[in-house]
Amino acid sequence: MTNPATSKRRWWLIVLCGLLALAQAGAALRVLGVPPELAAQISLWLPLEFVAGGLWALLFAVITVNLLRKRAVQPAVYALGGFLIYSVIRLLLWAQADYDQNRLPFLVFMTICLLVFPLAALLRR
């Protein structure tokens, strides 16, 4: 018989990974709609953003399917940790405008809160 706490944790991980898969797929598709005039002003290299978004979306989609098939939870935890590190590094590297620099501590804090706290809560249960 399955432990109810473990089952609930799995479903929260499924939801979190599924939402990240959709968000990253949306981020990759959003790059395709950037006008050329705006693309010239953006410090982030758009083809890299497209590839990174697509790879993260694919990874989280595969993990979501594997969690639905009752496979191990550990890859989801590693992927979420890797995504957190990627997100913070991405913020630190490409926040070049004064406006971005001023709000960088807040963005890093919010990124950590949105990914670490739910993950820690899931692992603690």
PDB file of N, CA and C in Angstrom:
ATOM      1  N   MET A   1       0.834  -1.176   0.000  1.00  0.00           N
ATOM      2  CA  MET A   1       0.000   0.000   0.000  1.00  0.00           C
ATOM      3  C   MET A   1       0.887   1.250   0.000  1.00  0.00           C
ATOM      4  N   THR A   2       0.480   2.265  -0.736  1.00  0.00           N
ATOM      5  CA  THR A   2       1.260   3.489  -0.888  1.00  0.00           C
ATOM      6  C   THR A   2       1.019   4.424   0.293  1.00  0.00           C
ATOM      7  N   ASN A   3       2.093   5.019   0.761  1.00  0.00           N
ATOM      8  CA  ASN A   3       2.013   6.001   1.831  1.00  0.00           C
ATOM      9  C   ASN A   3       1.316   7.253   1.287  1.00  0.00           C
ATOM     10  N   PRO A   4       0.254   7.761   1.954  1.00  0.00           N
ATOM     11  CA  PRO A   4      -0.457   8.950   1.446  1.00  0.00           C
ATOM     12  C   PRO A   4       0.433  10.189   1.330  1.00  0.00           C
ATOM     13  N   ALA A   5       1.370  10.355   2.259  1.00  0.00           N
ATOM     14  CA  ALA A   5       2.260  11.524   2.190  1.00  0.00           C
ATOM     15  C   ALA A   5       3.159  11.442   0.964  1.00  0.00           C
ATOM     16  N   THR A   6       3.662  10.249   0.656  1.00  0.00           N
ATOM     17  CA  THR A   6       4.509  10.058  -0.522  1.00  0.00           C
ATOM     18  C   THR A   6       3.714  10.296  -1.792  1.00  0.00           C
ATOM     19  N   SER A   7       2.483   9.809  -1.818  1.00  0.00           N
ATOM     20  CA  SER A   7       1.632  10.005  -2.986  1.00  0.00           C
ATOM     21  C   SER A   7       1.328  11.486  -3.203  1.00  0.00           C
ATOM     22  N   LYS A   8       1.071  12.214  -2.122  1.00  0.00           N
ATOM     23  CA  LYS A   8       0.780  13.641  -2.233  1.00  0.00           C
ATOM     24  C   LYS A   8       2.020  14.402  -2.713  1.00  0.00           C
ATOM     25  N   ARG A   9       3.187  14.024  -2.206  1.00  0.00           N
ATOM     26  CA  ARG A   9       4.446  14.654  -2.628  1.00  0.00           C
ATOM     27  C   ARG A   9       4.671  14.440  -4.116  1.00  0.00           C
ATOM     28  N   ARG A  10       4.409  13.219  -4.583  1.00  0.00           N
ATOM     29  CA  ARG A  10       4.590  12.911  -6.001  1.00  0.00           C
ATOM     30  C   ARG A  10       3.688  13.800  -6.852  1.00  0.00           C
ATOM     31  N   TRP A  11       2.429  13.986  -6.446  1.00  0.00           N
ATOM     32  CA  TRP A  11       1.514  14.798  -7.238  1.00  0.00           C
ATOM     33  C   TRP A  11       1.927  16.259  -7.250  1.00  0.00           C
ATOM     34  N   TRP A  12       2.461  16.767  -6.130  1.00  0.00           N
ATOM     35  CA  TRP A  12       2.955  18.138  -6.132  1.00  0.00           C
ATOM     36  C   TRP A  12       4.162  18.282  -7.049  1.00  0.00           C
ATOM     37  N   LEU A  13       5.026  17.297  -7.066  1.00  0.00           N
ATOM     38  CA  LEU A  13       6.172  17.331  -7.984  1.00  0.00           C
ATOM     39  C   LEU A  13       5.702  17.264  -9.437  1.00  0.00           C
ATOM     40  N   ILE A  14       4.690  16.459  -9.693  1.00  0.00           N
ATOM     41  CA  ILE A  14       4.133  16.364 -11.050  1.00  0.00           C
ATOM     42  C   ILE A  14       3.599  17.724 -11.490  1.00  0.00           C
ATOM     43  N   VAL A  15       2.861  18.384 -10.605  1.00  0.00           N
ATOM     44  CA  VAL A  15       2.300  19.705 -10.930  1.00  0.00           C
ATOM     45  C   VAL A  15       3.421  20.716 -11.152  1.00  0.00           C
ATOM     46  N   LEU A  16       4.405  20.749 -10.252  1.00  0.00           N
ATOM     47  CA  LEU A  16       5.509  21.704 -10.371  1.00  0.00           C
ATOM     48  C   LEU A  16       6.306  21.479 -11.654  1.00  0.00           C
ATOM     49  N   CYS A  17       6.655  20.229 -11.941  1.00  0.00           N
ATOM     50  CA  CYS A  17       7.423  19.935 -13.158  1.00  0.00           C
ATOM     51  C   CYS A  17       6.588  20.199 -14.410  1.00  0.00           C
ATOM     52  N   GLY A  18       5.317  19.876 -14.366  1.00  0.00           N
ATOM     53  CA  GLY A  18       4.445  20.139 -15.511  1.00  0.00           C
ATOM     54  C   GLY A  18       4.316  21.630 -15.798  1.00  0.00           C
ATOM     55  N   LEU A  19       4.159  22.429 -14.729  1.00  0.00           N
ATOM     56  CA  LEU A  19       4.075  23.885 -14.918  1.00  0.00           C
ATOM     57  C   LEU A  19       5.381  24.464 -15.449  1.00  0.00           C
ATOM     58  N   LEU A  20       6.511  23.946 -14.941  1.00  0.00           N
ATOM     59  CA  LEU A  20       7.799  24.423 -15.458  1.00  0.00           C
ATOM     60  C   LEU A  20       7.996  24.022 -16.919  1.00  0.00           C
ATOM     61  N   ALA A  21       7.518  22.836 -17.295  1.00  0.00           N
ATOM     62  CA  ALA A  21       7.610  22.414 -18.697  1.00  0.00           C
ATOM     63  C   ALA A  21       6.816  23.370 -19.587  1.00  0.00           C
ATOM     64  N   LEU A  22       5.603  23.705 -19.157  1.00  0.00           N
ATOM     65  CA  LEU A  22       4.775  24.629 -19.939  1.00  0.00           C
ATOM     66  C   LEU A  22       5.379  26.028 -19.979  1.00  0.00           C
ATOM     67  N   ALA A  23       5.890  26.497 -18.851  1.00  0.00           N
ATOM     68  CA  ALA A  23       6.482  27.839 -18.808  1.00  0.00           C
ATOM     69  C   ALA A  23       7.716  27.926 -19.700  1.00  0.00           C
ATOM     70  N   GLN A  24       8.541  26.903 -19.685  1.00  0.00           N
ATOM     71  CA  GLN A  24       9.751  26.936 -20.504  1.00  0.00           C
ATOM     72  C   GLN A  24       9.423  26.773 -21.985  1.00  0.00           C
ATOM     73  N   ALA A  25       8.413  25.988 -22.298  1.00  0.00           N
ATOM     74  CA  ALA A  25       7.975  25.883 -23.697  1.00  0.00           C
ATOM     75  C   ALA A  25       7.451  27.244 -24.174  1.00  0.00           C
ATOM     76  N   GLY A  26       6.698  27.918 -23.309  1.00  0.00           N
ATOM     77  CA  GLY A  26       6.213  29.259 -23.642  1.00  0.00           C
ATOM     78  C   GLY A  26       7.343  30.243 -23.821  1.00  0.00           C
ATOM     79  N   ALA A  27       8.371  30.140 -22.980  1.00  0.00           N
ATOM     80  CA  ALA A  27       9.534  31.034 -23.101  1.00  0.00           C
ATOM     81  C   ALA A  27      10.263  30.795 -24.419  1.00  0.00           C
ATOM     82  N   ALA A  28      10.387  29.523 -24.803  1.00  0.00           N
ATOM     83  CA  ALA A  28      11.057  29.208 -26.074  1.00  0.00           C
ATOM     84  C   ALA A  28      10.234  29.733 -27.253  1.00  0.00           C
ATOM     85  N   LEU A  29       8.925  29.588 -27.195  1.00  0.00           N
ATOM     86  CA  LEU A  29       8.072  30.063 -28.289  1.00  0.00           C
ATOM     87  C   LEU A  29       7.996  31.591 -28.320  1.00  0.00           C
ATOM     88  N   ARG A  30       8.074  32.217 -27.162  1.00  0.00           N
ATOM     89  CA  ARG A  30       8.028  33.683 -27.101  1.00  0.00           C
ATOM     90  C   ARG A  30       9.205  34.300 -27.857  1.00  0.00           C
ATOM     91  N   VAL A  31      10.337  33.620 -27.838  1.00  0.00           N
ATOM     92  CA  VAL A  31      11.527  34.115 -28.536  1.00  0.00           C
ATOM     93  C   VAL A  31      11.261  34.241 -30.027  1.00  0.00           C
ATOM     94  N   LEU A  32      10.456  33.345 -30.575  1.00  0.00           N
ATOM     95  CA  LEU A  32      10.174  33.368 -32.012  1.00  0.00           C
ATOM     96  C   LEU A  32       9.392  34.602 -32.432  1.00  0.00           C
ATOM     97  N   GLY A  33       8.682  35.213 -31.486  1.00  0.00           N
ATOM     98  CA  GLY A  33       7.857  36.373 -31.824  1.00  0.00           C
ATOM     99  C   GLY A  33       8.504  37.716 -31.539  1.00  0.00           C
ATOM    100  N   VAL A  34       9.766  37.723 -31.167  1.00  0.00           N
ATOM    101  CA  VAL A  34      10.442  38.989 -30.867  1.00  0.00           C
ATOM    102  C   VAL A  34      10.764  39.703 -32.175  1.00  0.00           C
ATOM    103  N   PRO A  35      10.310  40.954 -32.326  1.00  0.00           N
ATOM    104  CA  PRO A  35      10.615  41.701 -33.547  1.00  0.00           C
ATOM    105  C   PRO A  35      12.119  41.936 -33.682  1.00  0.00           C
ATOM    106  N   PRO A  36      12.629  41.990 -34.923  1.00  0.00           N
ATOM    107  CA  PRO A  36      14.066  42.176 -35.136  1.00  0.00           C
ATOM    108  C   PRO A  36      14.624  43.464 -34.516  1.00  0.00           C
ATOM    109  N   GLU A  37      13.819  44.542 -34.499  1.00  0.00           N
ATOM    110  CA  GLU A  37      14.287  45.793 -33.910  1.00  0.00           C
ATOM    111  C   GLU A  37      14.543  45.620 -32.420  1.00  0.00           C
ATOM    112  N   LEU A  38      13.664  44.895 -31.757  1.00  0.00           N
ATOM    113  CA  LEU A  38      13.812  44.651 -30.325  1.00  0.00           C
ATOM    114  C   LEU A  38      14.922  43.642 -30.052  1.00  0.00           C
ATOM    115  N   ALA A  39      15.063  42.663 -30.921  1.00  0.00           N
ATOM    116  CA  ALA A  39      16.100  41.639 -30.745  1.00  0.00           C
ATOM    117  C   ALA A  39      17.494  42.259 -30.758  1.00  0.00           C
ATOM    118  N   ALA A  40      17.670  43.333 -31.510  1.00  0.00           N
ATOM    119  CA  ALA A  40      18.977  43.994 -31.575  1.00  0.00           C
ATOM    120  C   ALA A  40      19.309  44.696 -30.263  1.00  0.00           C
ATOM    121  N   GLN A  41      18.306  45.029 -29.468  1.00  0.00           N
ATOM    122  CA  GLN A  41      18.519  45.754 -28.216  1.00  0.00           C
ATOM    123  C   GLN A  41      18.627  44.831 -26.997  1.00  0.00           C
ATOM    124  N   ILE A  42      18.292  43.572 -27.149  1.00  0.00           N
ATOM    125  CA  ILE A  42      18.287  42.637 -26.027  1.00  0.00           C
ATOM    126  C   ILE A  42      19.682  42.050 -25.852  1.00  0.00           C
ATOM    127  N   SER A  43      20.169  42.058 -24.617  1.00  0.00           N
ATOM    128  CA  SER A  43      21.519  41.535 -24.361  1.00  0.00           C
ATOM    129  C   SER A  43      21.558  40.009 -24.410  1.00  0.00           C
ATOM    130  N   LEU A  44      20.440  39.373 -24.184  1.00  0.00           N
ATOM    131  CA  LEU A  44      20.365  37.913 -24.203  1.00  0.00           C
ATOM    132  C   LEU A  44      20.352  37.416 -25.643  1.00  0.00           C
ATOM    133  N   TRP A  45      21.183  36.440 -25.933  1.00  0.00           N
ATOM    134  CA  TRP A  45      21.240  35.899 -27.295  1.00  0.00           C
ATOM    135  C   TRP A  45      20.009  35.023 -27.498  1.00  0.00           C
ATOM    136  N   LEU A  46      19.114  35.417 -28.394  1.00  0.00           N
ATOM    137  CA  LEU A  46      17.808  34.781 -28.551  1.00  0.00           C
ATOM    138  C   LEU A  46      17.881  33.316 -28.990  1.00  0.00           C
ATOM    139  N   PRO A  47      18.784  32.920 -29.905  1.00  0.00           N
ATOM    140  CA  PRO A  47      18.850  31.486 -30.223  1.00  0.00           C
ATOM    141  C   PRO A  47      19.209  30.625 -29.002  1.00  0.00           C
ATOM    142  N   LEU A  48      20.076  31.137 -28.150  1.00  0.00           N
ATOM    143  CA  LEU A  48      20.421  30.415 -26.922  1.00  0.00           C
ATOM    144  C   LEU A  48      19.213  30.332 -25.998  1.00  0.00           C
ATOM    145  N   GLU A  49      18.454  31.401 -25.904  1.00  0.00           N
ATOM    146  CA  GLU A  49      17.246  31.414 -25.081  1.00  0.00           C
ATOM    147  C   GLU A  49      16.233  30.394 -25.602  1.00  0.00           C
ATOM    148  N   PHE A  50      16.109  30.303 -26.919  1.00  0.00           N
ATOM    149  CA  PHE A  50      15.187  29.338 -27.520  1.00  0.00           C
ATOM    150  C   PHE A  50      15.625  27.907 -27.211  1.00  0.00           C
ATOM    151  N   VAL A  51      16.899  27.612 -27.408  1.00  0.00           N
ATOM    152  CA  VAL A  51      17.417  26.260 -27.161  1.00  0.00           C
ATOM    153  C   VAL A  51      17.303  25.900 -25.682  1.00  0.00           C
ATOM    154  N   ALA A  52      17.700  26.822 -24.805  1.00  0.00           N
ATOM    155  CA  ALA A  52      17.632  26.546 -23.369  1.00  0.00           C
ATOM    156  C   ALA A  52      16.194  26.311 -22.923  1.00  0.00           C
ATOM    157  N   GLY A  53      15.282  27.156 -23.370  1.00  0.00           N
ATOM    158  CA  GLY A  53      13.871  26.978 -23.022  1.00  0.00           C
ATOM    159  C   GLY A  53      13.330  25.653 -23.530  1.00  0.00           C
ATOM    160  N   GLY A  54      13.693  25.302 -24.758  1.00  0.00           N
ATOM    161  CA  GLY A  54      13.236  24.027 -25.321  1.00  0.00           C
ATOM    162  C   GLY A  54      13.790  22.829 -24.579  1.00  0.00           C
ATOM    163  N   LEU A  55      15.069  22.889 -24.215  1.00  0.00           N
ATOM    164  CA  LEU A  55      15.677  21.770 -23.481  1.00  0.00           C
ATOM    165  C   LEU A  55      15.088  21.620 -22.082  1.00  0.00           C
ATOM    166  N   TRP A  56      14.886  22.739 -21.381  1.00  0.00           N
ATOM    167  CA  TRP A  56      14.269  22.659 -20.057  1.00  0.00           C
ATOM    168  C   TRP A  56      12.837  22.147 -20.168  1.00  0.00           C
ATOM    169  N   ALA A  57      12.109  22.614 -21.169  1.00  0.00           N
ATOM    170  CA  ALA A  57      10.728  22.139 -21.359  1.00  0.00           C
ATOM    171  C   ALA A  57      10.709  20.643 -21.618  1.00  0.00           C
ATOM    172  N   LEU A  58      11.607  20.168 -22.478  1.00  0.00           N
ATOM    173  CA  LEU A  58      11.677  18.738 -22.773  1.00  0.00           C
ATOM    174  C   LEU A  58      12.051  17.937 -21.527  1.00  0.00           C
ATOM    175  N   LEU A  59      13.049  18.410 -20.786  1.00  0.00           N
ATOM    176  CA  LEU A  59      13.473  17.712 -19.572  1.00  0.00           C
ATOM    177  C   LEU A  59      12.335  17.618 -18.564  1.00  0.00           C
ATOM    178  N   PHE A  60      11.656  18.727 -18.298  1.00  0.00           N
ATOM    179  CA  PHE A  60      10.573  18.697 -17.323  1.00  0.00           C
ATOM    180  C   PHE A  60       9.371  17.907 -17.821  1.00  0.00           C
ATOM    181  N   ALA A  61       9.137  17.891 -19.119  1.00  0.00           N
ATOM    182  CA  ALA A  61       8.051  17.067 -19.658  1.00  0.00           C
ATOM    183  C   ALA A  61       8.357  15.576 -19.472  1.00  0.00           C
ATOM    184  N   VAL A  62       9.594  15.175 -19.738  1.00  0.00           N
ATOM    185  CA  VAL A  62       9.990  13.768 -19.554  1.00  0.00           C
ATOM    186  C   VAL A  62       9.901  13.389 -18.084  1.00  0.00           C
ATOM    187  N   ILE A  63      10.352  14.261 -17.209  1.00  0.00           N
ATOM    188  CA  ILE A  63      10.282  13.976 -15.773  1.00  0.00           C
ATOM    189  C   ILE A  63       8.830  13.867 -15.317  1.00  0.00           C
ATOM    190  N   THR A  64       7.972  14.744 -15.828  1.00  0.00           N
ATOM    191  CA  THR A  64       6.551  14.688 -15.473  1.00  0.00           C
ATOM    192  C   THR A  64       5.944  13.360 -15.898  1.00  0.00           C
ATOM    193  N   VAL A  65       6.243  12.925 -17.106  1.00  0.00           N
ATOM    194  CA  VAL A  65       5.728  11.637 -17.586  1.00  0.00           C
ATOM    195  C   VAL A  65       6.265  10.497 -16.728  1.00  0.00           C
ATOM    196  N   ASN A  66       7.546  10.553 -16.391  1.00  0.00           N
ATOM    197  CA  ASN A  66       8.126   9.504 -15.553  1.00  0.00           C
ATOM    198  C   ASN A  66       7.508   9.487 -14.156  1.00  0.00           C
ATOM    199  N   LEU A  67       7.214  10.654 -13.601  1.00  0.00           N
ATOM    200  CA  LEU A  67       6.553  10.698 -12.303  1.00  0.00           C
ATOM    201  C   LEU A  67       5.140  10.130 -12.395  1.00  0.00           C
ATOM    202  N   LEU A  68       4.457  10.396 -13.502  1.00  0.00           N
ATOM    203  CA  LEU A  68       3.127   9.820 -13.697  1.00  0.00           C
ATOM    204  C   LEU A  68       3.184   8.296 -13.822  1.00  0.00           C
ATOM    205  N   ARG A  69       4.296   7.793 -14.336  1.00  0.00           N
ATOM    206  CA  ARG A  69       4.487   6.341 -14.465  1.00  0.00           C
ATOM    207  C   ARG A  69       5.055   5.723 -13.193  1.00  0.00           C
ATOM    208  N   LYS A  70       5.080   6.492 -12.125  1.00  0.00           N
ATOM    209  CA  LYS A  70       5.545   6.027 -10.807  1.00  0.00           C
ATOM    210  C   LYS A  70       7.029   5.700 -10.777  1.00  0.00           C
ATOM    211  N   ARG A  71       7.805   6.427 -11.551  1.00  0.00           N
ATOM    212  CA  ARG A  71       9.254   6.246 -11.512  1.00  0.00           C
ATOM    213  C   ARG A  71       9.840   7.091 -10.394  1.00  0.00           C
ATOM    214  N   ALA A  72      11.149   7.063 -10.237  1.00  0.00           N
ATOM    215  CA  ALA A  72      11.831   7.708  -9.114  1.00  0.00           C
ATOM    216  C   ALA A  72      11.601   9.217  -9.070  1.00  0.00           C
ATOM    217  N   VAL A  73      11.592   9.750  -7.870  1.00  0.00           N
ATOM    218  CA  VAL A  73      11.397  11.169  -7.621  1.00  0.00           C
ATOM    219  C   VAL A  73      12.731  11.922  -7.703  1.00  0.00           C
ATOM    220  N   GLN A  74      13.826  11.237  -7.463  1.00  0.00           N
ATOM    221  CA  GLN A  74      15.138  11.870  -7.370  1.00  0.00           C
ATOM    222  C   GLN A  74      15.519  12.688  -8.609  1.00  0.00           C
ATOM    223  N   PRO A  75      15.276  12.222  -9.847  1.00  0.00           N
ATOM    224  CA  PRO A  75      15.618  13.066 -11.008  1.00  0.00           C
ATOM    225  C   PRO A  75      14.867  14.398 -11.015  1.00  0.00           C
ATOM    226  N   ALA A  76      13.638  14.405 -10.525  1.00  0.00           N
ATOM    227  CA  ALA A  76      12.881  15.654 -10.464  1.00  0.00           C
ATOM    228  C   ALA A  76      13.545  16.633  -9.509  1.00  0.00           C
ATOM    229  N   VAL A  77      14.014  16.130  -8.386  1.00  0.00           N
ATOM    230  CA  VAL A  77      14.666  16.993  -7.400  1.00  0.00           C
ATOM    231  C   VAL A  77      15.961  17.565  -7.982  1.00  0.00           C
ATOM    232  N   TYR A  78      16.745  16.727  -8.646  1.00  0.00           N
ATOM    233  CA  TYR A  78      17.987  17.201  -9.272  1.00  0.00           C
ATOM    234  C   TYR A  78      17.700  18.217 -10.371  1.00  0.00           C
ATOM    235  N   ALA A  79      16.682  17.961 -11.180  1.00  0.00           N
ATOM    236  CA  ALA A  79      16.342  18.890 -12.269  1.00  0.00           C
ATOM    237  C   ALA A  79      15.866  20.225 -11.712  1.00  0.00           C
ATOM    238  N   LEU A  80      15.077  20.200 -10.655  1.00  0.00           N
ATOM    239  CA  LEU A  80      14.617  21.453 -10.050  1.00  0.00           C
ATOM    240  C   LEU A  80      15.783  22.226  -9.444  1.00  0.00           C
ATOM    241  N   GLY A  81      16.714  21.523  -8.827  1.00  0.00           N
ATOM    242  CA  GLY A  81      17.913  22.182  -8.307  1.00  0.00           C
ATOM    243  C   GLY A  81      18.753  22.777  -9.425  1.00  0.00           C
ATOM    244  N   GLY A  82      18.917  22.036 -10.507  1.00  0.00           N
ATOM    245  CA  GLY A  82      19.658  22.540 -11.663  1.00  0.00           C
ATOM    246  C   GLY A  82      18.976  23.737 -12.295  1.00  0.00           C
ATOM    247  N   PHE A  83      17.655  23.706 -12.361  1.00  0.00           N
ATOM    248  CA  PHE A  83      16.916  24.824 -12.933  1.00  0.00           C
ATOM    249  C   PHE A  83      17.051  26.067 -12.052  1.00  0.00           C
ATOM    250  N   LEU A  84      17.078  25.879 -10.750  1.00  0.00           N
ATOM    251  CA  LEU A  84      17.274  27.004  -9.844  1.00  0.00           C
ATOM    252  C   LEU A  84      18.634  27.649 -10.081  1.00  0.00           C
ATOM    253  N   ILE A  85      19.669  26.832 -10.165  1.00  0.00           N
ATOM    254  CA  ILE A  85      21.013  27.354 -10.412  1.00  0.00           C
ATOM    255  C   ILE A  85      21.072  28.059 -11.767  1.00  0.00           C
ATOM    256  N   TYR A  86      20.500  27.437 -12.794  1.00  0.00           N
ATOM    257  CA  TYR A  86      20.456  28.039 -14.134  1.00  0.00           C
ATOM    258  C   TYR A  86      19.746  29.393 -14.102  1.00  0.00           C
ATOM    259  N   SER A  87      18.622  29.470 -13.406  1.00  0.00           N
ATOM    260  CA  SER A  87      17.838  30.706 -13.368  1.00  0.00           C
ATOM    261  C   SER A  87      18.601  31.836 -12.689  1.00  0.00           C
ATOM    262  N   VAL A  88      19.259  31.522 -11.578  1.00  0.00           N
ATOM    263  CA  VAL A  88      20.009  32.551 -10.863  1.00  0.00           C
ATOM    264  C   VAL A  88      21.211  33.016 -11.692  1.00  0.00           C
ATOM    265  N   ILE A  89      21.930  32.078 -12.301  1.00  0.00           N
ATOM    266  CA  ILE A  89      23.081  32.445 -13.143  1.00  0.00           C
ATOM    267  C   ILE A  89      22.621  33.286 -14.330  1.00  0.00           C
ATOM    268  N   ARG A  90      21.507  32.901 -14.928  1.00  0.00           N
ATOM    269  CA  ARG A  90      20.956  33.652 -16.062  1.00  0.00           C
ATOM    270  C   ARG A  90      20.617  35.081 -15.646  1.00  0.00           C
ATOM    271  N   LEU A  91      20.013  35.240 -14.477  1.00  0.00           N
ATOM    272  CA  LEU A  91      19.710  36.583 -13.985  1.00  0.00           C
ATOM    273  C   LEU A  91      20.989  37.394 -13.769  1.00  0.00           C
ATOM    274  N   LEU A  92      21.984  36.767 -13.168  1.00  0.00           N
ATOM    275  CA  LEU A  92      23.230  37.485 -12.868  1.00  0.00           C
ATOM    276  C   LEU A  92      23.993  37.878 -14.130  1.00  0.00           C
ATOM    277  N   LEU A  93      23.962  37.041 -15.153  1.00  0.00           N
ATOM    278  CA  LEU A  93      24.718  37.315 -16.371  1.00  0.00           C
ATOM    279  C   LEU A  93      24.056  38.349 -17.277  1.00  0.00           C
ATOM    280  N   TRP A  94      22.744  38.308 -17.381  1.00  0.00           N
ATOM    281  CA  TRP A  94      22.088  39.146 -18.382  1.00  0.00           C
ATOM    282  C   TRP A  94      21.346  40.342 -17.821  1.00  0.00           C
ATOM    283  N   ALA A  95      21.418  40.601 -16.555  1.00  0.00           N
ATOM    284  CA  ALA A  95      20.794  41.798 -15.997  1.00  0.00           C
ATOM    285  C   ALA A  95      21.807  42.932 -16.104  1.00  0.00           C
ATOM    286  N   GLN A  96      21.806  43.630 -17.240  1.00  0.00           N
ATOM    287  CA  GLN A  96      22.823  44.644 -17.496  1.00  0.00           C
ATOM    288  C   GLN A  96      22.309  46.065 -17.363  1.00  0.00           C
ATOM    289  N   ALA A  97      21.053  46.296 -17.623  1.00  0.00           N
ATOM    290  CA  ALA A  97      20.515  47.655 -17.532  1.00  0.00           C
ATOM    291  C   ALA A  97      20.473  48.096 -16.067  1.00  0.00           C
ATOM    292  N   ASP A  98      20.521  49.425 -15.857  1.00  0.00           N
ATOM    293  CA  ASP A  98      20.456  49.942 -14.489  1.00  0.00           C
ATOM    294  C   ASP A  98      19.184  49.480 -13.790  1.00  0.00           C
ATOM    295  N   TYR A  99      18.085  49.483 -14.534  1.00  0.00           N
ATOM    296  CA  TYR A  99      16.814  49.045 -13.970  1.00  0.00           C
ATOM    297  C   TYR A  99      16.918  47.600 -13.499  1.00  0.00           C
ATOM    298  N   ASP A 100      17.498  46.737 -14.335  1.00  0.00           N
ATOM    299  CA  ASP A 100      17.663  45.332 -13.966  1.00  0.00           C
ATOM    300  C   ASP A 100      18.628  45.173 -12.799  1.00  0.00           C
ATOM    301  N   GLN A 101      19.707  45.940 -12.805  1.00  0.00           N
ATOM    302  CA  GLN A 101      20.688  45.844 -11.719  1.00  0.00           C
ATOM    303  C   GLN A 101      20.070  46.235 -10.383  1.00  0.00           C
ATOM    304  N   ASN A 102      19.201  47.233 -10.389  1.00  0.00           N
ATOM    305  CA  ASN A 102      18.572  47.681  -9.145  1.00  0.00           C
ATOM    306  C   ASN A 102      17.589  46.661  -8.587  1.00  0.00           C
ATOM    307  N   ARG A 103      16.950  45.919  -9.445  1.00  0.00           N
ATOM    308  CA  ARG A 103      15.990  44.942  -8.953  1.00  0.00           C
ATOM    309  C   ARG A 103      16.556  43.522  -8.907  1.00  0.00           C
ATOM    310  N   LEU A 104      17.837  43.359  -9.205  1.00  0.00           N
ATOM    311  CA  LEU A 104      18.461  42.038  -9.221  1.00  0.00           C
ATOM    312  C   LEU A 104      18.362  41.309  -7.888  1.00  0.00           C
ATOM    313  N   PRO A 105      18.644  41.931  -6.753  1.00  0.00           N
ATOM    314  CA  PRO A 105      18.501  41.190  -5.488  1.00  0.00           C
ATOM    315  C   PRO A 105      17.077  40.668  -5.280  1.00  0.00           C
ATOM    316  N   PHE A 106      16.095  41.484  -5.627  1.00  0.00           N
ATOM    317  CA  PHE A 106      14.707  41.051  -5.498  1.00  0.00           C
ATOM    318  C   PHE A 106      14.413  39.875  -6.428  1.00  0.00           C
ATOM    319  N   LEU A 107      14.879  39.939  -7.670  1.00  0.00           N
ATOM    320  CA  LEU A 107      14.632  38.859  -8.620  1.00  0.00           C
ATOM    321  C   LEU A 107      15.288  37.554  -8.180  1.00  0.00           C
ATOM    322  N   VAL A 108      16.506  37.636  -7.690  1.00  0.00           N
ATOM    323  CA  VAL A 108      17.187  36.429  -7.206  1.00  0.00           C
ATOM    324  C   VAL A 108      16.446  35.864  -6.005  1.00  0.00           C
ATOM    325  N   PHE A 109      16.050  36.733  -5.078  1.00  0.00           N
ATOM    326  CA  PHE A 109      15.308  36.284  -3.902  1.00  0.00           C
ATOM    327  C   PHE A 109      13.999  35.605  -4.305  1.00  0.00           C
ATOM    328  N   MET A 110      13.260  36.209  -5.222  1.00  0.00           N
ATOM    329  CA  MET A 110      11.975  35.636  -5.654  1.00  0.00           C
ATOM    330  C   MET A 110      12.173  34.309  -6.392  1.00  0.00           C
ATOM    331  N   THR A 111      13.221  34.225  -7.200  1.00  0.00           N
ATOM    332  CA  THR A 111      13.510  32.970  -7.891  1.00  0.00           C
ATOM    333  C   THR A 111      13.783  31.867  -6.885  1.00  0.00           C
ATOM    334  N   ILE A 112      14.579  32.169  -5.889  1.00  0.00           N
ATOM    335  CA  ILE A 112      14.883  31.174  -4.865  1.00  0.00           C
ATOM    336  C   ILE A 112      13.620  30.803  -4.094  1.00  0.00           C
ATOM    337  N   CYS A 113      12.827  31.791  -3.731  1.00  0.00           N
ATOM    338  CA  CYS A 113      11.595  31.509  -2.990  1.00  0.00           C
ATOM    339  C   CYS A 113      10.634  30.637  -3.790  1.00  0.00           C
ATOM    340  N   LEU A 114      10.477  30.954  -5.063  1.00  0.00           N
ATOM    341  CA  LEU A 114       9.508  30.229  -5.883  1.00  0.00           C
ATOM    342  C   LEU A 114       9.940  28.800  -6.185  1.00  0.00           C
ATOM    343  N   LEU A 115      11.235  28.514  -6.115  1.00  0.00           N
ATOM    344  CA  LEU A 115      11.690  27.158  -6.418  1.00  0.00           C
ATOM    345  C   LEU A 115      12.168  26.383  -5.191  1.00  0.00           C
ATOM    346  N   VAL A 116      12.860  27.038  -4.283  1.00  0.00           N
ATOM    347  CA  VAL A 116      13.423  26.316  -3.141  1.00  0.00           C
ATOM    348  C   VAL A 116      12.357  25.985  -2.103  1.00  0.00           C
ATOM    349  N   PHE A 117      11.531  26.948  -1.750  1.00  0.00           N
ATOM    350  CA  PHE A 117      10.571  26.697  -0.684  1.00  0.00           C
ATOM    351  C   PHE A 117       9.575  25.586  -1.020  1.00  0.00           C
ATOM    352  N   PRO A 118       8.986  25.569  -2.224  1.00  0.00           N
ATOM    353  CA  PRO A 118       8.107  24.428  -2.526  1.00  0.00           C
ATOM    354  C   PRO A 118       8.867  23.105  -2.555  1.00  0.00           C
ATOM    355  N   LEU A 119      10.078  23.118  -3.082  1.00  0.00           N
ATOM    356  CA  LEU A 119      10.874  21.889  -3.144  1.00  0.00           C
ATOM    357  C   LEU A 119      11.242  21.409  -1.742  1.00  0.00           C
ATOM    358  N   ALA A 120      11.636  22.340  -0.874  1.00  0.00           N
ATOM    359  CA  ALA A 120      11.969  21.961   0.504  1.00  0.00           C
ATOM    360  C   ALA A 120      10.744  21.419   1.230  1.00  0.00           C
ATOM    361  N   ALA A 121       9.598  22.042   0.995  1.00  0.00           N
ATOM    362  CA  ALA A 121       8.374  21.555   1.631  1.00  0.00           C
ATOM    363  C   ALA A 121       8.023  20.151   1.152  1.00  0.00           C
ATOM    364  N   LEU A 122       8.239  19.899  -0.121  1.00  0.00           N
ATOM    365  CA  LEU A 122       7.942  18.570  -0.663  1.00  0.00           C
ATOM    366  C   LEU A 122       8.898  17.515  -0.101  1.00  0.00           C
ATOM    367  N   LEU A 123      10.162  17.872   0.041  1.00  0.00           N
ATOM    368  CA  LEU A 123      11.141  16.905   0.534  1.00  0.00           C
ATOM    369  C   LEU A 123      10.970  16.657   2.031  1.00  0.00           C
ATOM    370  N   ARG A 124      10.466  17.623   2.743  1.00  0.00           N
ATOM    371  CA  ARG A 124      10.309  17.487   4.184  1.00  0.00           C
ATOM    372  C   ARG A 124       9.139  16.600   4.563  1.00  0.00           C
ATOM    373  N   ARG A 125       8.137  16.511   3.733  1.00  0.00           N
ATOM    374  CA  ARG A 125       6.924  15.742   4.057  1.00  0.00           C
ATOM    375  C   ARG A 125       7.228  14.277   4.179  1.00  0.00           C
TER     376      ARG A 125
END
